[in-house]
Amino acid sequence: MKAVIGRFVILTHIVIVTLLVSLGVASAQETAVSIPAQPCVEPGAITMRVWDAVWAAAIQESVDAWIAGYCPGAEVTLEVVPWDQYWDLLRTNAEEGDLPDIFNLSQDRFYFYVNNGVLLDLQPYLDAAEIDTSVWGTGMVEPYRWGDERDLYAAPVNWDTVVIYYNKDLFDAADIEYPTANWTWDDFAQAAEALTDPSGDVYGAAVYSEYQAGYPNFIASTGMTPIVGAARTQCTLDEPASLGALEFLHALYEEGIMPSVSEIGGASADDSFDFWLAGRVAMVSNGSWKLSAALEQAAFNWDVVQLPRSPQSGRTRSIVHSVGYVASADTAQPELVANLIQYLVSDEGSAYFAQGAGVAPANPNQQQAWVESFGDTEVNIQAFVDAIDDSQGVTVFDEIWDTINTELVINIFDLDMSVDEAVALACDQIEAELAAQRSS
């Protein structure tokens, strides 16, 4: 799972954001402020931990600006712990009551920390600062809410969403109109069938691979939380909406419109994306983290479009992942810590992150600059931003990753197991893990 979630939060294809450098902090000041920065009440010393050195450099600039402009005299010690060591150390710190004041957390890891009471509830501080948390898309913040009042325990740093990448040359050759943001599952299926060319060894679509990039997006568009319910009490794969989405995709596979896992060369989203780059499939689902690779490597004309809409709900929903800034419940300076987090996600503070980290910032006033940072391109990059509005956050967790990411996919799309049988097997494993979590 570490390698996969790493793609959620560490873009391996870093974009050189030259436009953002020219826009700088001033760009946030020229538009309506969505998240303001505020002076601290009293300075102090804070510890902070992140896992990515590129992010750390940008965050350090933001921290320095906070100290200079809003909290003179404050001291922040920023530590970088590599990904392969980060989570083991963080869990040990949590168990020993020795967490840093502020640290980065991913949605799939949130439950352990909040359920063990080691995270600071940020909601009172956000309320006091009159910050409307709805400025962030629901998928970014809902997985970080907890308790009867659904308080927010993390402020989102970034985001990545999923769209359909499509080969325009293959659409043109088949004389098919390009898809639009209002297309439906039926439109998608009809286009995929028409684009399938057995004589040319080309498939119409490959959209099932992996949790964030694949089949769960179709489940989400029905309104069902994919795989694990938001309350983390049950497997949702056996719900009628989930079964319907999987049956829809399975039918495309059985009809030869989608390739098998073996034909693609693996069950990962990287494998299916490479299959698309090779011209072997007309449409593939994948995330904003692949945008740079497509721009650099695709040898054909291509574009992106939002995922097709469920015929029942009329919704298009992307799985979104957002890293969050969280704080230790044991921090000696909760007000100061909350003030720094507020600055880091503010219009002003997040500009430094957008400039230096090369990822899509969660702050709404930085998102258009991210789109424009790709320069003069006809690719519909705005589709990634539009996918934020009605998005689905991550509710799954490490212990079930192989079950949902590899085993279920291979069983349905390679070993020809029925959807019902594959789902029953997966839910048995998921329910066992959920029960183990409840008893721990």
Protein backbone atom coordinates (compact mmCIF):
# COMPACT_ATOMS: atom_id res chain seq x y z
CA MET A 1 0.00 0.00 0.00
CA LYS A 2 2.83 2.41 0.69
CA ALA A 3 3.76 2.57 -2.95
CA VAL A 4 0.17 3.21 -4.01
CA ILE A 5 -0.75 5.76 -1.36
CA GLY A 6 2.57 7.39 -2.11
CA ARG A 7 1.09 8.33 -5.46
CA PHE A 8 -1.80 9.94 -3.62
CA VAL A 9 0.48 12.29 -1.83
CA ILE A 10 3.84 12.45 -3.55
CA LEU A 11 3.65 13.26 -7.26
CA THR A 12 6.47 11.48 -8.96
CA HIS A 13 6.11 13.75 -11.95
CA ILE A 14 6.66 17.17 -10.37
CA VAL A 15 5.37 20.12 -12.39
CA ILE A 16 7.64 23.14 -12.61
CA VAL A 17 5.18 25.81 -11.64
CA THR A 18 6.74 28.86 -13.25
CA LEU A 19 3.54 30.82 -13.52
CA LEU A 20 2.86 30.52 -9.81
CA VAL A 21 6.21 32.06 -9.02
CA SER A 22 5.27 35.17 -10.95
CA LEU A 23 1.84 35.31 -9.38
CA GLY A 24 3.19 34.76 -5.86
CA VAL A 25 1.35 35.78 -2.74
CA ALA A 26 -0.07 38.84 -4.47
CA SER A 27 -2.44 36.67 -6.52
CA ALA A 28 -4.29 35.63 -3.37
CA GLN A 29 -4.57 39.23 -2.30
CA GLU A 30 -6.09 40.33 -5.62
CA THR A 31 -9.01 37.92 -5.30
CA ALA A 32 -11.60 37.37 -2.60
CA VAL A 33 -9.91 35.83 0.42
CA SER A 34 -11.33 32.40 1.19
CA ILE A 35 -9.10 31.52 4.15
CA PRO A 36 -7.49 34.47 5.94
CA ALA A 37 -4.23 34.60 7.88
CA GLN A 38 -4.32 36.03 11.40
CA PRO A 39 -1.69 37.13 13.93
CA CYS A 40 -0.86 34.70 16.70
CA VAL A 41 -1.72 35.66 20.29
CA GLU A 42 1.65 34.68 21.73
CA PRO A 43 4.74 33.15 20.09
CA GLY A 44 6.34 29.91 21.20
CA ALA A 45 8.25 26.86 20.00
CA ILE A 46 6.58 24.29 17.72
CA THR A 47 7.73 20.98 16.27
CA MET A 48 6.51 19.85 12.85
CA ARG A 49 7.02 16.72 10.73
CA VAL A 50 6.47 15.92 7.05
CA TRP A 51 7.58 13.04 4.81
CA ASP A 52 8.56 14.82 1.61
CA ALA A 53 11.66 16.99 1.19
CA VAL A 54 10.18 19.01 -1.69
CA TRP A 55 7.11 19.77 0.36
CA ALA A 56 9.29 20.61 3.36
CA ALA A 57 11.20 23.29 1.43
CA ALA A 58 7.97 25.00 0.38
CA ILE A 59 6.42 24.67 3.83
CA GLN A 60 9.54 26.16 5.40
CA GLU A 61 9.11 29.26 3.24
CA SER A 62 5.52 29.53 4.39
CA VAL A 63 6.53 29.06 8.04
CA ASP A 64 9.19 31.75 7.72
CA ALA A 65 6.61 34.16 6.29
CA TRP A 66 4.22 33.35 9.15
CA ILE A 67 6.90 34.12 11.73
CA ALA A 68 7.90 37.36 10.01
CA GLY A 69 4.41 38.66 9.35
CA TYR A 70 2.15 37.14 11.97
CA CYS A 71 4.08 35.65 14.85
CA PRO A 72 7.49 37.31 15.46
CA GLY A 73 9.54 35.38 17.97
CA ALA A 74 7.98 31.99 17.20
CA GLU A 75 10.27 29.04 16.54
CA VAL A 76 9.34 26.09 14.33
CA THR A 77 11.50 22.99 14.01
CA LEU A 78 10.55 21.24 10.76
CA GLU A 79 11.63 17.59 10.50
CA VAL A 80 11.60 15.45 7.34
CA VAL A 81 11.19 11.70 7.87
CA PRO A 82 11.19 9.61 4.66
CA TRP A 83 7.97 7.84 3.68
CA ASP A 84 9.29 4.35 4.38
CA GLN A 85 10.05 5.32 7.97
CA TYR A 86 7.38 7.94 8.57
CA TRP A 87 4.39 5.82 9.56
CA ASP A 88 6.17 3.39 11.86
CA LEU A 89 7.78 6.29 13.72
CA LEU A 90 4.52 8.23 13.89
CA ARG A 91 2.63 5.27 15.34
CA THR A 92 5.36 4.71 17.90
CA ASN A 93 5.20 8.39 18.85
CA ALA A 94 1.43 8.16 19.21
CA GLU A 95 1.66 5.13 21.47
CA GLU A 96 4.32 6.82 23.61
CA GLY A 97 2.56 10.18 23.78
CA ASP A 98 5.40 11.92 21.97
CA LEU A 99 3.90 13.19 18.70
CA PRO A 100 5.19 16.37 17.04
CA ASP A 101 2.93 19.41 17.46
CA ILE A 102 1.98 19.43 13.77
CA PHE A 103 2.36 16.67 11.19
CA ASN A 104 1.05 15.55 7.82
CA LEU A 105 -1.54 12.77 7.75
CA SER A 106 -3.26 10.91 4.93
CA GLN A 107 -6.95 10.10 4.88
CA ASP A 108 -6.44 6.34 4.97
CA ARG A 109 -4.38 6.62 8.18
CA PHE A 110 -6.66 9.04 10.02
CA TYR A 111 -8.82 6.52 11.88
CA PHE A 112 -6.06 5.04 14.03
CA TYR A 113 -4.97 8.43 15.35
CA VAL A 114 -8.37 10.00 15.91
CA ASN A 115 -9.83 6.81 17.40
CA ASN A 116 -6.99 6.74 19.92
CA GLY A 117 -7.62 10.33 20.94
CA VAL A 118 -4.22 11.69 19.96
CA LEU A 119 -5.38 14.40 17.53
CA LEU A 120 -6.39 17.97 18.36
CA ASP A 121 -9.92 18.93 17.33
CA LEU A 122 -9.38 21.90 15.00
CA GLN A 123 -13.06 22.80 14.65
CA PRO A 124 -13.22 25.27 17.58
CA TYR A 125 -10.21 27.18 16.22
CA LEU A 126 -11.58 27.21 12.67
CA ASP A 127 -14.92 28.45 14.01
CA ALA A 128 -13.23 31.16 16.07
CA ALA A 129 -11.38 32.32 12.94
CA GLU A 130 -14.71 32.29 11.06
CA ILE A 131 -13.39 29.91 8.44
CA ASP A 132 -16.10 28.26 6.37
CA THR A 133 -14.85 24.71 5.89
CA SER A 134 -17.19 24.26 2.93
CA VAL A 135 -14.63 26.17 0.83
CA TRP A 136 -12.89 22.80 0.60
CA GLY A 137 -14.61 20.06 -1.40
CA THR A 138 -16.48 17.50 0.67
CA GLY A 139 -14.15 14.71 -0.39
CA MET A 140 -11.17 16.60 1.01
CA VAL A 141 -12.57 17.11 4.49
CA GLU A 142 -15.25 14.49 5.21
CA PRO A 143 -12.72 11.69 5.90
CA TYR A 144 -11.10 13.99 8.49
CA ARG A 145 -14.31 14.61 10.46
CA TRP A 146 -15.02 12.78 13.71
CA GLY A 147 -17.53 12.58 16.53
CA ASP A 148 -21.22 13.24 16.86
CA GLU A 149 -20.75 16.84 15.73
CA ARG A 150 -18.54 15.80 12.79
CA ASP A 151 -15.77 18.17 13.86
CA LEU A 152 -12.84 18.67 11.51
CA TYR A 153 -9.48 17.37 12.75
CA ALA A 154 -7.34 18.19 9.70
CA ALA A 155 -6.88 21.13 7.36
CA PRO A 156 -6.33 19.91 3.79
CA VAL A 157 -3.03 20.55 2.06
CA ASN A 158 -3.55 19.30 -1.48
CA TRP A 159 -5.79 17.14 -3.63
CA ASP A 160 -5.78 14.78 -6.56
CA THR A 161 -8.82 13.68 -8.55
CA VAL A 162 -9.61 11.11 -11.24
CA VAL A 163 -10.85 11.66 -14.80
CA ILE A 164 -11.00 9.77 -18.08
CA TYR A 165 -7.95 10.20 -20.29
CA TYR A 166 -8.94 9.57 -23.91
CA ASN A 167 -7.11 9.16 -27.21
CA LYS A 168 -8.55 11.77 -29.58
CA ASP A 169 -6.93 10.15 -32.61
CA LEU A 170 -8.83 6.92 -31.98
CA PHE A 171 -12.07 8.86 -31.51
CA ASP A 172 -11.45 10.66 -34.81
CA ALA A 173 -10.64 7.42 -36.63
CA ALA A 174 -13.92 5.91 -35.40
CA ASP A 175 -15.82 9.14 -36.20
CA ILE A 176 -17.05 9.45 -32.64
CA GLU A 177 -17.75 12.77 -30.91
CA TYR A 178 -15.53 13.57 -27.96
CA PRO A 179 -17.15 13.06 -24.55
CA THR A 180 -18.44 15.95 -22.47
CA ALA A 181 -18.87 16.51 -18.75
CA ASN A 182 -22.52 15.48 -19.05
CA TRP A 183 -21.95 12.05 -20.56
CA THR A 184 -23.46 9.01 -18.88
CA TRP A 185 -22.49 5.40 -18.27
CA ASP A 186 -24.48 4.47 -21.38
CA ASP A 187 -22.62 7.06 -23.46
CA PHE A 188 -19.35 5.71 -22.10
CA ALA A 189 -20.29 2.10 -22.89
CA GLN A 190 -21.42 2.96 -26.42
CA ALA A 191 -18.22 4.89 -27.12
CA ALA A 192 -16.06 2.11 -25.66
CA GLU A 193 -17.79 -0.48 -27.83
CA ALA A 194 -17.39 1.62 -30.98
CA LEU A 195 -13.71 2.26 -30.18
CA THR A 196 -12.91 -1.41 -29.69
CA ASP A 197 -11.01 -2.73 -32.72
CA PRO A 198 -9.99 -6.41 -32.44
CA SER A 199 -8.20 -6.27 -35.79
CA GLY A 200 -6.05 -3.41 -34.52
CA ASP A 201 -5.68 -4.97 -31.09
CA VAL A 202 -7.27 -1.89 -29.47
CA TYR A 203 -9.73 -1.93 -26.60
CA GLY A 204 -12.32 0.70 -25.89
CA ALA A 205 -11.65 1.29 -22.20
CA ALA A 206 -9.75 0.20 -19.09
CA VAL A 207 -11.29 1.74 -15.99
CA TYR A 208 -11.23 -0.86 -13.22
CA SER A 209 -7.64 -0.76 -11.90
CA GLU A 210 -6.98 0.20 -8.28
CA TYR A 211 -8.94 1.94 -5.57
CA GLN A 212 -8.54 5.61 -6.40
CA ALA A 213 -8.20 5.36 -10.16
CA GLY A 214 -10.59 2.53 -10.90
CA TYR A 215 -13.90 0.83 -10.18
CA PRO A 216 -14.69 2.63 -6.87
CA ASN A 217 -15.32 5.85 -8.82
CA PHE A 218 -18.26 4.18 -10.57
CA ILE A 219 -19.59 2.98 -7.22
CA ALA A 220 -19.20 6.50 -5.80
CA SER A 221 -21.20 8.02 -8.65
CA THR A 222 -24.25 6.05 -7.50
CA GLY A 223 -24.08 7.84 -4.15
CA MET A 224 -22.75 4.78 -2.34
CA THR A 225 -19.55 5.13 -0.31
CA PRO A 226 -17.23 2.64 -1.99
CA ILE A 227 -16.00 -0.49 -0.20
CA VAL A 228 -16.14 0.73 3.41
CA GLY A 229 -18.91 2.92 4.79
CA ALA A 230 -18.05 6.31 6.22
CA ALA A 231 -18.73 5.01 9.74
CA ARG A 232 -16.27 2.15 9.11
CA THR A 233 -18.75 -0.43 10.33
CA GLN A 234 -19.44 -2.43 7.17
CA CYS A 235 -18.30 -3.53 3.74
CA THR A 236 -20.45 -1.78 1.12
CA LEU A 237 -19.36 -3.86 -1.88
CA ASP A 238 -22.40 -6.12 -1.46
CA GLU A 239 -24.86 -3.22 -1.50
CA PRO A 240 -27.10 -3.15 -4.61
CA ALA A 241 -25.56 0.11 -5.91
CA SER A 242 -22.04 -1.30 -5.64
CA LEU A 243 -23.00 -4.59 -7.28
CA GLY A 244 -24.70 -2.69 -10.09
CA ALA A 245 -21.58 -0.65 -10.81
CA LEU A 246 -19.35 -3.72 -10.78
CA GLU A 247 -21.76 -5.65 -13.00
CA PHE A 248 -21.74 -2.74 -15.47
CA LEU A 249 -17.95 -2.86 -15.70
CA HIS A 250 -17.85 -6.65 -15.73
CA ALA A 251 -20.21 -6.73 -18.69
CA LEU A 252 -17.83 -4.52 -20.68
CA TYR A 253 -15.02 -6.92 -19.84
CA GLU A 254 -17.04 -10.00 -20.84
CA GLU A 255 -17.95 -8.37 -24.15
CA GLY A 256 -14.28 -7.83 -24.98
CA ILE A 257 -14.53 -4.05 -24.67
CA MET A 258 -12.16 -3.94 -21.70
CA PRO A 259 -8.95 -6.00 -21.53
CA SER A 260 -8.11 -8.51 -18.82
CA VAL A 261 -5.54 -7.83 -16.14
CA SER A 262 -3.21 -10.28 -17.88
CA GLU A 263 -3.57 -8.47 -21.20
CA ILE A 264 -2.80 -5.13 -19.58
CA GLY A 265 0.21 -6.62 -17.85
CA GLY A 266 -0.80 -6.02 -14.23
CA ALA A 267 -3.55 -4.86 -11.89
CA SER A 268 -2.14 -1.44 -11.08
CA ALA A 269 -3.34 1.90 -12.43
CA ASP A 270 0.20 2.45 -13.70
CA ASP A 271 -0.14 -0.67 -15.83
CA SER A 272 -3.43 0.46 -17.39
CA PHE A 273 -2.06 3.96 -17.98
CA ASP A 274 0.97 2.53 -19.77
CA PHE A 275 -1.44 0.42 -21.85
CA TRP A 276 -3.15 3.68 -22.86
CA LEU A 277 0.17 5.39 -23.64
CA ALA A 278 1.00 2.45 -25.90
CA GLY A 279 -2.18 3.10 -27.90
CA ARG A 280 -3.75 -0.20 -26.87
CA VAL A 281 -6.83 1.30 -25.22
CA ALA A 282 -8.84 4.40 -26.14
CA MET A 283 -9.96 5.47 -22.67
CA VAL A 284 -8.44 4.96 -19.26
CA SER A 285 -9.34 6.26 -15.81
CA ASN A 286 -6.49 7.83 -13.90
CA GLY A 287 -5.57 10.76 -11.71
CA SER A 288 -4.13 14.25 -11.80
CA TRP A 289 -0.83 12.73 -10.67
CA LYS A 290 -0.49 11.31 -14.21
CA LEU A 291 -1.03 14.62 -15.99
CA SER A 292 2.64 15.47 -16.36
CA ALA A 293 3.42 11.98 -17.67
CA ALA A 294 0.68 12.27 -20.28
CA LEU A 295 1.90 15.69 -21.41
CA GLU A 296 5.45 14.42 -21.70
CA GLN A 297 4.95 10.92 -23.08
CA ALA A 298 1.73 10.61 -25.11
CA ALA A 299 2.59 10.31 -28.81
CA PHE A 300 -1.00 10.96 -29.93
CA ASN A 301 -3.60 13.69 -29.50
CA TRP A 302 -5.49 13.29 -26.26
CA ASP A 303 -7.65 15.05 -23.71
CA VAL A 304 -9.40 14.44 -20.40
CA VAL A 305 -13.02 14.57 -19.31
CA GLN A 306 -14.84 14.03 -16.06
CA LEU A 307 -15.99 10.52 -15.26
CA PRO A 308 -19.35 9.49 -16.76
CA ARG A 309 -22.52 10.10 -14.78
CA SER A 310 -24.54 7.36 -13.13
CA PRO A 311 -27.87 6.91 -14.94
CA GLN A 312 -29.66 6.62 -11.59
CA SER A 313 -28.10 9.50 -9.64
CA GLY A 314 -26.97 11.73 -12.50
CA ARG A 315 -23.73 12.31 -10.59
CA THR A 316 -20.10 12.10 -11.64
CA ARG A 317 -17.91 11.45 -8.61
CA SER A 318 -14.17 11.11 -8.34
CA ILE A 319 -12.28 9.51 -5.50
CA VAL A 320 -10.21 12.38 -4.11
CA HIS A 321 -7.33 12.16 -1.71
CA SER A 322 -6.08 15.08 0.32
CA VAL A 323 -3.19 15.15 2.75
CA GLY A 324 -4.01 17.06 5.92
CA TYR A 325 -2.21 19.15 8.51
CA VAL A 326 -3.10 17.72 11.93
CA ALA A 327 -1.97 18.53 15.46
CA SER A 328 -1.21 16.50 18.55
CA ALA A 329 -3.89 16.53 21.22
CA ASP A 330 -1.06 16.79 23.76
CA THR A 331 0.49 19.94 22.33
CA ALA A 332 1.24 22.48 25.02
CA GLN A 333 0.24 25.34 22.71
CA PRO A 334 -2.97 24.44 20.89
CA GLU A 335 -3.86 28.05 20.00
CA LEU A 336 -0.44 28.69 18.48
CA VAL A 337 -0.45 25.39 16.61
CA ALA A 338 -3.92 26.06 15.22
CA ASN A 339 -2.84 29.54 14.18
CA LEU A 340 0.10 28.16 12.18
CA ILE A 341 -2.08 25.53 10.52
CA GLN A 342 -4.54 28.27 9.60
CA TYR A 343 -1.73 30.22 7.98
CA LEU A 344 -0.39 27.20 6.10
CA VAL A 345 -3.77 26.61 4.43
CA SER A 346 -4.62 30.30 4.03
CA ASP A 347 -4.63 32.06 0.67
CA GLU A 348 -1.31 33.66 1.56
CA GLY A 349 0.41 30.69 3.16
CA SER A 350 -0.63 28.08 0.62
CA ALA A 351 0.79 30.20 -2.22
CA TYR A 352 4.30 29.21 -1.10
CA PHE A 353 3.30 25.55 -1.18
CA ALA A 354 1.75 25.90 -4.63
CA GLN A 355 4.88 27.59 -5.97
CA GLY A 356 7.40 25.14 -4.64
CA ALA A 357 5.75 21.73 -4.21
CA GLY A 358 4.34 21.21 -7.71
CA VAL A 359 1.00 19.76 -6.61
CA ALA A 360 -2.57 20.96 -6.70
CA PRO A 361 -3.24 23.06 -3.56
CA ALA A 362 -6.41 22.56 -1.55
CA ASN A 363 -6.95 26.30 -1.15
CA PRO A 364 -9.60 27.30 -3.73
CA ASN A 365 -7.87 30.55 -4.61
CA GLN A 366 -4.74 28.69 -5.73
CA GLN A 367 -6.45 26.12 -7.95
CA GLN A 368 -6.82 28.22 -11.09
CA ALA A 369 -3.17 29.15 -10.90
CA TRP A 370 -2.39 25.43 -10.80
CA VAL A 371 -4.39 24.93 -14.00
CA GLU A 372 -2.63 27.82 -15.70
CA SER A 373 0.77 26.58 -14.56
CA PHE A 374 0.71 23.93 -17.29
CA GLY A 375 1.05 26.69 -19.86
CA ASP A 376 -0.35 26.75 -23.38
CA THR A 377 -2.15 23.43 -23.76
CA GLU A 378 -5.49 22.41 -25.21
CA VAL A 379 -5.92 19.72 -22.57
CA ASN A 380 -8.97 20.32 -20.38
CA ILE A 381 -7.05 20.51 -17.11
CA GLN A 382 -10.01 22.27 -15.50
CA ALA A 383 -11.75 18.87 -15.47
CA PHE A 384 -9.56 17.84 -12.53
CA VAL A 385 -10.63 20.90 -10.55
CA ASP A 386 -14.30 20.47 -11.47
CA ALA A 387 -14.14 16.92 -10.11
CA ILE A 388 -13.52 18.29 -6.60
CA ASP A 389 -17.02 19.67 -6.11
CA ASP A 390 -18.89 16.37 -5.71
CA SER A 391 -16.05 14.07 -4.74
CA GLN A 392 -15.62 11.02 -2.53
CA GLY A 393 -12.88 10.99 0.09
CA VAL A 394 -10.86 7.93 1.05
CA THR A 395 -12.47 5.64 3.64
CA VAL A 396 -10.36 2.50 3.13
CA PHE A 397 -7.26 1.56 5.08
CA ASP A 398 -3.97 -0.27 4.78
CA GLU A 399 -5.00 -3.69 6.04
CA ILE A 400 -7.53 -4.25 3.21
CA TRP A 401 -5.46 -2.76 0.42
CA ASP A 402 -4.45 -6.01 -1.28
CA THR A 403 -8.02 -7.30 -1.02
CA ILE A 404 -9.62 -4.35 -2.80
CA ASN A 405 -6.76 -3.25 -5.00
CA THR A 406 -5.48 -6.52 -6.38
CA GLU A 407 -7.45 -9.60 -5.39
CA LEU A 408 -10.94 -8.30 -6.22
CA VAL A 409 -9.77 -6.82 -9.51
CA ILE A 410 -7.99 -10.00 -10.60
CA ASN A 411 -10.88 -12.22 -9.55
CA ILE A 412 -13.43 -10.26 -11.60
CA PHE A 413 -11.36 -9.00 -14.52
CA ASP A 414 -8.94 -11.87 -15.05
CA LEU A 415 -10.03 -15.09 -13.38
CA ASP A 416 -13.65 -14.76 -14.55
CA MET A 417 -15.09 -15.10 -11.07
CA SER A 418 -18.66 -13.81 -10.82
CA VAL A 419 -19.15 -10.40 -9.26
CA ASP A 420 -21.25 -11.89 -6.47
CA GLU A 421 -18.62 -14.50 -5.61
CA ALA A 422 -15.71 -12.06 -5.76
CA VAL A 423 -17.56 -9.51 -3.64
CA ALA A 424 -18.55 -12.09 -1.02
CA LEU A 425 -14.93 -13.16 -0.70
CA ALA A 426 -13.72 -9.56 -0.43
CA CYS A 427 -16.39 -8.55 2.09
CA ASP A 428 -15.53 -11.50 4.33
CA GLN A 429 -11.95 -10.24 4.51
CA ILE A 430 -12.97 -6.60 4.95
CA GLU A 431 -15.50 -7.36 7.69
CA ALA A 432 -12.87 -9.37 9.55
CA GLU A 433 -10.49 -6.41 9.50
CA LEU A 434 -13.23 -4.01 10.61
CA ALA A 435 -14.08 -6.32 13.51
CA ALA A 436 -10.41 -6.47 14.48
CA GLN A 437 -10.23 -2.67 14.50
CA ARG A 438 -13.32 -2.36 16.67
CA SER A 439 -11.90 -4.78 19.22
CA SER A 440 -8.46 -3.20 19.37
